[in-house]
C-alpha atoms as a PDB file:
ATOM      1  CA  MET A   1     -38.994  96.123  15.247  1.00  0.00           C
ATOM      2  CA  CYS A   2     -41.493  95.484  17.528  1.00  0.00           C
ATOM      3  CA  GLY A   3     -42.616  96.905  21.011  1.00  0.00           C
ATOM      4  CA  GLN A   4     -41.893  95.047  24.371  1.00  0.00           C
ATOM      5  CA  ALA A   5     -45.400  94.006  24.357  1.00  0.00           C
ATOM      6  CA  GLU A   6     -45.580  92.261  20.884  1.00  0.00           C
ATOM      7  CA  ARG A   7     -42.406  90.472  21.294  1.00  0.00           C
ATOM      8  CA  PRO A   8     -43.733  87.212  22.698  1.00  0.00           C
ATOM      9  CA  ARG A   9     -46.200  87.001  19.869  1.00  0.00           C
ATOM     10  CA  TYR A  10     -43.842  87.973  17.043  1.00  0.00           C
ATOM     11  CA  GLY A  11     -40.847  85.772  18.457  1.00  0.00           C
ATOM     12  CA  PHE A  12     -43.239  82.691  18.290  1.00  0.00           C
ATOM     13  CA  SER A  13     -44.415  83.335  14.804  1.00  0.00           C
ATOM     14  CA  MET A  14     -40.842  84.178  13.516  1.00  0.00           C
ATOM     15  CA  GLY A  15     -39.573  81.003  15.343  1.00  0.00           C
ATOM     16  CA  ARG A  16     -42.096  78.615  13.686  1.00  0.00           C
ATOM     17  CA  PHE A  17     -41.253  79.978  10.308  1.00  0.00           C
ATOM     18  CA  LEU A  18     -37.561  79.904  10.828  1.00  0.00           C
ATOM     19  CA  LEU A  19     -37.646  76.451  12.117  1.00  0.00           C
ATOM     20  CA  ARG A  20     -38.894  75.278   8.744  1.00  0.00           C
ATOM     21  CA  LYS A  21     -35.832  76.770   7.164  1.00  0.00           C
ATOM     22  CA  LEU A  22     -33.564  75.243   9.507  1.00  0.00           C
ATOM     23  CA  PRO A  23     -31.359  71.898   8.561  1.00  0.00           C
ATOM     24  CA  ARG A  24     -32.672  68.858  10.238  1.00  0.00           C
ATOM     25  CA  ARG A  25     -30.621  67.641  13.173  1.00  0.00           C
ATOM     26  CA  ASN A  26     -30.156  64.655  15.690  1.00  0.00           C
ATOM     27  CA  ALA A  27     -31.009  65.172  19.017  1.00  0.00           C
ATOM     28  CA  GLY A  28     -28.499  66.721  21.174  1.00  0.00           C
ATOM     29  CA  GLU A  29     -26.402  68.583  18.205  1.00  0.00           C
ATOM     30  CA  ALA A  30     -26.106  72.072  17.953  1.00  0.00           C
ATOM     31  CA  PHE A  31     -26.970  73.937  14.760  1.00  0.00           C
ATOM     32  CA  ASP A  32     -24.042  74.967  12.595  1.00  0.00           C
ATOM     33  CA  LEU A  33     -25.034  77.971  10.739  1.00  0.00           C
ATOM     34  CA  ASP A  34     -21.760  79.618  10.390  1.00  0.00           C
ATOM     35  CA  ASP A  35     -21.712  79.530   6.549  1.00  0.00           C
ATOM     36  CA  GLN A  36     -25.107  80.399   6.095  1.00  0.00           C
ATOM     37  CA  VAL A  37     -25.757  83.332   8.379  1.00  0.00           C
ATOM     38  CA  ALA A  38     -23.745  86.455   8.599  1.00  0.00           C
ATOM     39  CA  LEU A  39     -24.169  89.343  10.867  1.00  0.00           C
ATOM     40  CA  ARG A  40     -24.578  92.553   8.991  1.00  0.00           C
ATOM     41  CA  TYR A  41     -24.943  95.075  11.631  1.00  0.00           C
ATOM     42  CA  TYR A  42     -24.357  95.111  15.435  1.00  0.00           C
ATOM     43  CA  ARG A  43     -25.226  97.539  18.045  1.00  0.00           C
ATOM     44  CA  LEU A  44     -23.487  97.675  21.415  1.00  0.00           C
ATOM     45  CA  THR A  45     -25.475 100.122  24.007  1.00  0.00           C
ATOM     46  CA  LYS A  46     -23.963 100.978  27.245  1.00  0.00           C
ATOM     47  CA  ILE A  47     -26.808 100.960  29.817  1.00  0.00           C
ATOM     48  CA  GLY A  48     -25.263 101.425  32.917  1.00  0.00           C
ATOM     49  CA  ASP A  49     -22.014 100.787  35.411  1.00  0.00           C
ATOM     50  CA  HIS A  50     -22.537  97.876  37.844  1.00  0.00           C
ATOM     51  CA  LYS A  51     -20.142  96.191  40.173  1.00  0.00           C
ATOM     52  CA  ILE A  52     -20.227  92.540  39.964  1.00  0.00           C
ATOM     53  CA  ALA A  53     -19.035  90.317  42.825  1.00  0.00           C
ATOM     54  CA  LEU A  54     -19.162  87.015  43.979  1.00  0.00           C
ATOM     55  CA  GLY A  55     -20.005  87.918  47.783  1.00  0.00           C
ATOM     56  CA  SER A  56     -16.457  88.024  49.180  1.00  0.00           C
ATOM     57  CA  ASP A  57     -13.174  89.753  48.194  1.00  0.00           C
ATOM     58  CA  GLU A  58     -11.399  86.715  47.156  1.00  0.00           C
ATOM     59  CA  LEU A  59     -12.347  84.401  44.236  1.00  0.00           C
ATOM     60  CA  PRO A  60     -12.434  80.849  45.430  1.00  0.00           C
ATOM     61  CA  GLY A  61      -9.963  78.446  43.747  1.00  0.00           C
ATOM     62  CA  LEU A  62      -7.782  81.055  42.000  1.00  0.00           C
ATOM     63  CA  GLU A  63      -4.273  81.053  43.291  1.00  0.00           C
ATOM     64  CA  GLY A  64      -1.172  82.917  41.609  1.00  0.00           C
ATOM     65  CA  PRO A  65       2.216  81.516  41.488  1.00  0.00           C
ATOM     66  CA  THR A  66       3.609  81.019  44.789  1.00  0.00           C
ATOM     67  CA  ALA A  67       7.475  81.073  43.858  1.00  0.00           C
ATOM     68  CA  VAL A  68       9.450  81.412  40.593  1.00  0.00           C
ATOM     69  CA  GLY A  69      10.238  78.210  38.825  1.00  0.00           C
ATOM     70  CA  THR A  70       7.430  76.066  40.520  1.00  0.00           C
ATOM     71  CA  LEU A  71       6.000  74.787  37.187  1.00  0.00           C
ATOM     72  CA  GLU A  72       5.129  71.201  37.407  1.00  0.00           C
ATOM     73  CA  VAL A  73       5.621  69.415  34.229  1.00  0.00           C
ATOM     74  CA  ARG A  74       2.574  67.419  33.317  1.00  0.00           C
ATOM     75  CA  ASP A  75       2.482  64.182  30.912  1.00  0.00           C
ATOM     76  CA  GLU A  76       2.598  65.261  27.488  1.00  0.00           C
ATOM     77  CA  GLN A  77      -0.369  63.942  25.799  1.00  0.00           C
ATOM     78  CA  LYS A  78       0.384  62.313  22.617  1.00  0.00           C
ATOM     79  CA  ALA A  79      -1.004  63.988  19.191  1.00  0.00           C
ATOM     80  CA  PRO A  80      -3.957  61.993  17.843  1.00  0.00           C
ATOM     81  CA  LEU A  81      -1.973  61.128  14.775  1.00  0.00           C
ATOM     82  CA  SER A  82       1.024  59.547  16.616  1.00  0.00           C
ATOM     83  CA  GLN A  83      -1.630  57.417  18.510  1.00  0.00           C
ATOM     84  CA  LEU A  84      -3.090  56.403  15.228  1.00  0.00           C
ATOM     85  CA  ILE A  85       0.351  55.232  14.136  1.00  0.00           C
ATOM     86  CA  GLU A  86       0.940  53.324  17.449  1.00  0.00           C
ATOM     87  CA  ARG A  87      -2.427  51.276  16.598  1.00  0.00           C
ATOM     88  CA  ILE A  88      -1.651  50.854  12.897  1.00  0.00           C
ATOM     89  CA  ASN A  89       1.692  49.332  14.016  1.00  0.00           C
ATOM     90  CA  GLU A  90       0.099  47.087  16.872  1.00  0.00           C
ATOM     91  CA  ILE A  91      -3.113  45.864  14.792  1.00  0.00           C
ATOM     92  CA  PHE A  92      -1.414  45.367  11.252  1.00  0.00           C
ATOM     93  CA  GLY A  93       2.101  44.686  12.557  1.00  0.00           C
ATOM     94  CA  ALA A  94       3.653  47.635  10.473  1.00  0.00           C
ATOM     95  CA  ASP A  95       6.683  49.458  11.325  1.00  0.00           C
ATOM     96  CA  LEU A  96       5.542  52.946  10.694  1.00  0.00           C
ATOM     97  CA  GLY A  97       7.664  55.721  11.958  1.00  0.00           C
ATOM     98  CA  PRO A  98       7.060  59.420  12.470  1.00  0.00           C
ATOM     99  CA  GLU A  99       7.422  60.021   8.790  1.00  0.00           C
ATOM    100  CA  ALA A 100       4.050  58.313   8.494  1.00  0.00           C
ATOM    101  CA  ILE A 101       2.397  61.162  10.575  1.00  0.00           C
ATOM    102  CA  LEU A 102       3.726  63.673   7.936  1.00  0.00           C
ATOM    103  CA  THR A 103       2.096  61.576   5.216  1.00  0.00           C
ATOM    104  CA  ILE A 104      -1.245  61.283   6.818  1.00  0.00           C
ATOM    105  CA  GLU A 105      -1.145  65.024   7.648  1.00  0.00           C
ATOM    106  CA  GLN A 106      -0.900  65.751   3.945  1.00  0.00           C
ATOM    107  CA  VAL A 107      -3.663  63.398   2.938  1.00  0.00           C
ATOM    108  CA  GLN A 108      -5.722  64.969   5.914  1.00  0.00           C
ATOM    109  CA  GLU A 109      -5.058  68.625   4.864  1.00  0.00           C
ATOM    110  CA  LYS A 110      -5.661  67.755   1.247  1.00  0.00           C
ATOM    111  CA  MET A 111      -9.139  66.196   2.192  1.00  0.00           C
ATOM    112  CA  ILE A 112      -9.961  69.246   4.624  1.00  0.00           C
ATOM    113  CA  GLY A 113      -9.440  71.611   1.782  1.00  0.00           C
ATOM    114  CA  ASP A 114     -11.748  69.895  -0.630  1.00  0.00           C
ATOM    115  CA  PRO A 115     -14.971  71.843  -1.047  1.00  0.00           C
ATOM    116  CA  THR A 116     -16.792  68.902  -2.325  1.00  0.00           C
ATOM    117  CA  LEU A 117     -16.087  67.049   0.957  1.00  0.00           C
ATOM    118  CA  ALA A 118     -16.795  70.095   3.051  1.00  0.00           C
ATOM    119  CA  LYS A 119     -20.333  70.367   1.481  1.00  0.00           C
ATOM    120  CA  GLN A 120     -21.060  66.589   2.111  1.00  0.00           C
ATOM    121  CA  ALA A 121     -19.868  66.967   5.752  1.00  0.00           C
ATOM    122  CA  ARG A 122     -22.100  69.736   6.405  1.00  0.00           C
ATOM    123  CA  ALA A 123     -25.078  68.008   4.860  1.00  0.00           C
ATOM    124  CA  ASN A 124     -24.758  64.549   6.054  1.00  0.00           C
ATOM    125  CA  SER A 125     -24.448  62.630   9.266  1.00  0.00           C
ATOM    126  CA  LEU A 126     -20.854  60.928   9.945  1.00  0.00           C
ATOM    127  CA  GLU A 127     -22.352  57.599   8.619  1.00  0.00           C
ATOM    128  CA  ASN A 128     -23.577  58.773   5.399  1.00  0.00           C
ATOM    129  CA  TYR A 129     -20.486  60.988   5.000  1.00  0.00           C
ATOM    130  CA  ARG A 130     -18.441  57.637   4.613  1.00  0.00           C
ATOM    131  CA  HIS A 131     -19.947  57.258   1.008  1.00  0.00           C
ATOM    132  CA  GLY A 132     -18.152  60.425  -0.168  1.00  0.00           C
ATOM    133  CA  PHE A 133     -15.334  60.308   2.037  1.00  0.00           C
ATOM    134  CA  ASP A 134     -13.867  56.887   1.422  1.00  0.00           C
ATOM    135  CA  PRO A 135     -13.474  57.151  -2.451  1.00  0.00           C
ATOM    136  CA  ALA A 136     -11.951  60.707  -2.000  1.00  0.00           C
ATOM    137  CA  PHE A 137      -9.469  59.281   0.589  1.00  0.00           C
ATOM    138  CA  LEU A 138      -8.300  56.615  -2.075  1.00  0.00           C
ATOM    139  CA  ASP A 139      -7.949  59.519  -4.554  1.00  0.00           C
ATOM    140  CA  ALA A 140      -5.952  61.617  -2.289  1.00  0.00           C
ATOM    141  CA  LEU A 141      -3.758  58.742  -1.253  1.00  0.00           C
ATOM    142  CA  VAL A 142      -2.900  58.009  -4.953  1.00  0.00           C
ATOM    143  CA  GLU A 143      -2.578  61.836  -5.667  1.00  0.00           C
ATOM    144  CA  LEU A 144       0.037  62.101  -3.072  1.00  0.00           C
ATOM    145  CA  ARG A 145       1.800  58.940  -3.975  1.00  0.00           C
ATOM    146  CA  HIS A 146       2.050  60.151  -7.561  1.00  0.00           C
ATOM    147  CA  GLY A 147       3.213  63.629  -6.504  1.00  0.00           C
ATOM    148  CA  ASN A 148       6.034  62.211  -4.290  1.00  0.00           C
ATOM    149  CA  ILE A 149       7.136  59.876  -6.999  1.00  0.00           C
ATOM    150  CA  LYS A 150       7.406  62.871  -9.313  1.00  0.00           C
ATOM    151  CA  PHE A 151       9.313  64.607  -6.821  1.00  0.00           C
ATOM    152  CA  PHE A 152      11.722  61.778  -5.600  1.00  0.00           C
ATOM    153  CA  ASN A 153      12.323  60.799  -9.601  1.00  0.00           C
ATOM    154  CA  ARG A 154      13.109  64.571 -10.112  1.00  0.00           C
ATOM    155  CA  ALA A 155      15.376  64.676  -7.333  1.00  0.00           C
ATOM    156  CA  ILE A 156      17.348  61.446  -8.245  1.00  0.00           C
ATOM    157  CA  GLU A 157      17.520  62.406 -11.903  1.00  0.00           C
ATOM    158  CA  ASP A 158      18.057  65.960 -12.045  1.00  0.00           C
ATOM    159  CA  GLU A 159      21.488  67.004 -10.433  1.00  0.00           C
ATOM    160  CA  GLU A 160      20.631  70.863 -10.398  1.00  0.00           C
ATOM    161  CA  PHE A 161      17.518  70.155  -8.597  1.00  0.00           C
ATOM    162  CA  ARG A 162      18.887  67.705  -6.274  1.00  0.00           C
ATOM    163  CA  ARG A 163      22.056  70.234  -5.349  1.00  0.00           C
ATOM    164  CA  PHE A 164      19.491  73.017  -4.879  1.00  0.00           C
ATOM    165  CA  ILE A 165      17.583  71.092  -2.479  1.00  0.00           C
ATOM    166  CA  ALA A 166      20.630  69.717  -0.655  1.00  0.00           C
ATOM    167  CA  ASP A 167      22.082  73.321  -0.347  1.00  0.00           C
ATOM    168  CA  ASN A 168      18.951  74.517   1.303  1.00  0.00           C
ATOM    169  CA  LEU A 169      18.476  71.461   3.781  1.00  0.00           C
ATOM    170  CA  ARG A 170      22.068  71.335   4.632  1.00  0.00           C
ATOM    171  CA  PRO A 171      22.308  74.176   7.162  1.00  0.00           C
ATOM    172  CA  GLU A 172      19.208  73.370   9.109  1.00  0.00           C
ATOM    173  CA  VAL A 173      20.456  69.690   9.241  1.00  0.00           C
ATOM    174  CA  TYR A 174      23.754  70.684  10.526  1.00  0.00           C
ATOM    175  CA  ARG A 175      22.339  73.065  13.108  1.00  0.00           C
ATOM    176  CA  ARG A 176      20.187  70.610  14.543  1.00  0.00           C
ATOM    177  CA  GLN A 177      22.884  68.003  14.630  1.00  0.00           C
ATOM    178  CA  ARG A 178      25.174  70.244  16.480  1.00  0.00           C
ATOM    179  CA  ARG A 179      22.723  71.354  18.876  1.00  0.00           C
ATOM    180  CA  ALA A 180      21.864  67.675  19.446  1.00  0.00           C
ATOM    181  CA  SER A 181      25.408  66.882  20.319  1.00  0.00           C
END
């Protein structure tokens, strides 16, 4: 700790040494030190009570509801993955449906959970990250395909396995179809 008069001098010295330890970054990017810096102690001290006001009794631009049921439905924005599927269909002439979103989500979640890719993302620019991402993406696709083939083969060949899945899916499908009618 240092006194009030010493703070500017110590702050400058500490900042100069700390700057050498911080990761390099591009102009305009914020430092992301969440995984490198941990708060060990926090002290909150009340120094007084003060009234904060904007100068008038009412806040400009803030209005409450005027009547019950006046909610306006805004255009629903499409999820980024559904937009990706649409672009794939347009560019490649594919006929992918909503099931492709599930597959892409599975690949995406698998890759987000990869600790090696996470380290590479923190240490590299997006352009350099490509060199680690692209091979891992192909590996994730192959692994997902292999996992799905194992599942489908077992569901087709093992009657008890197939019956168990059908018994668990049937009530939900039934309920949704009855509700849709």
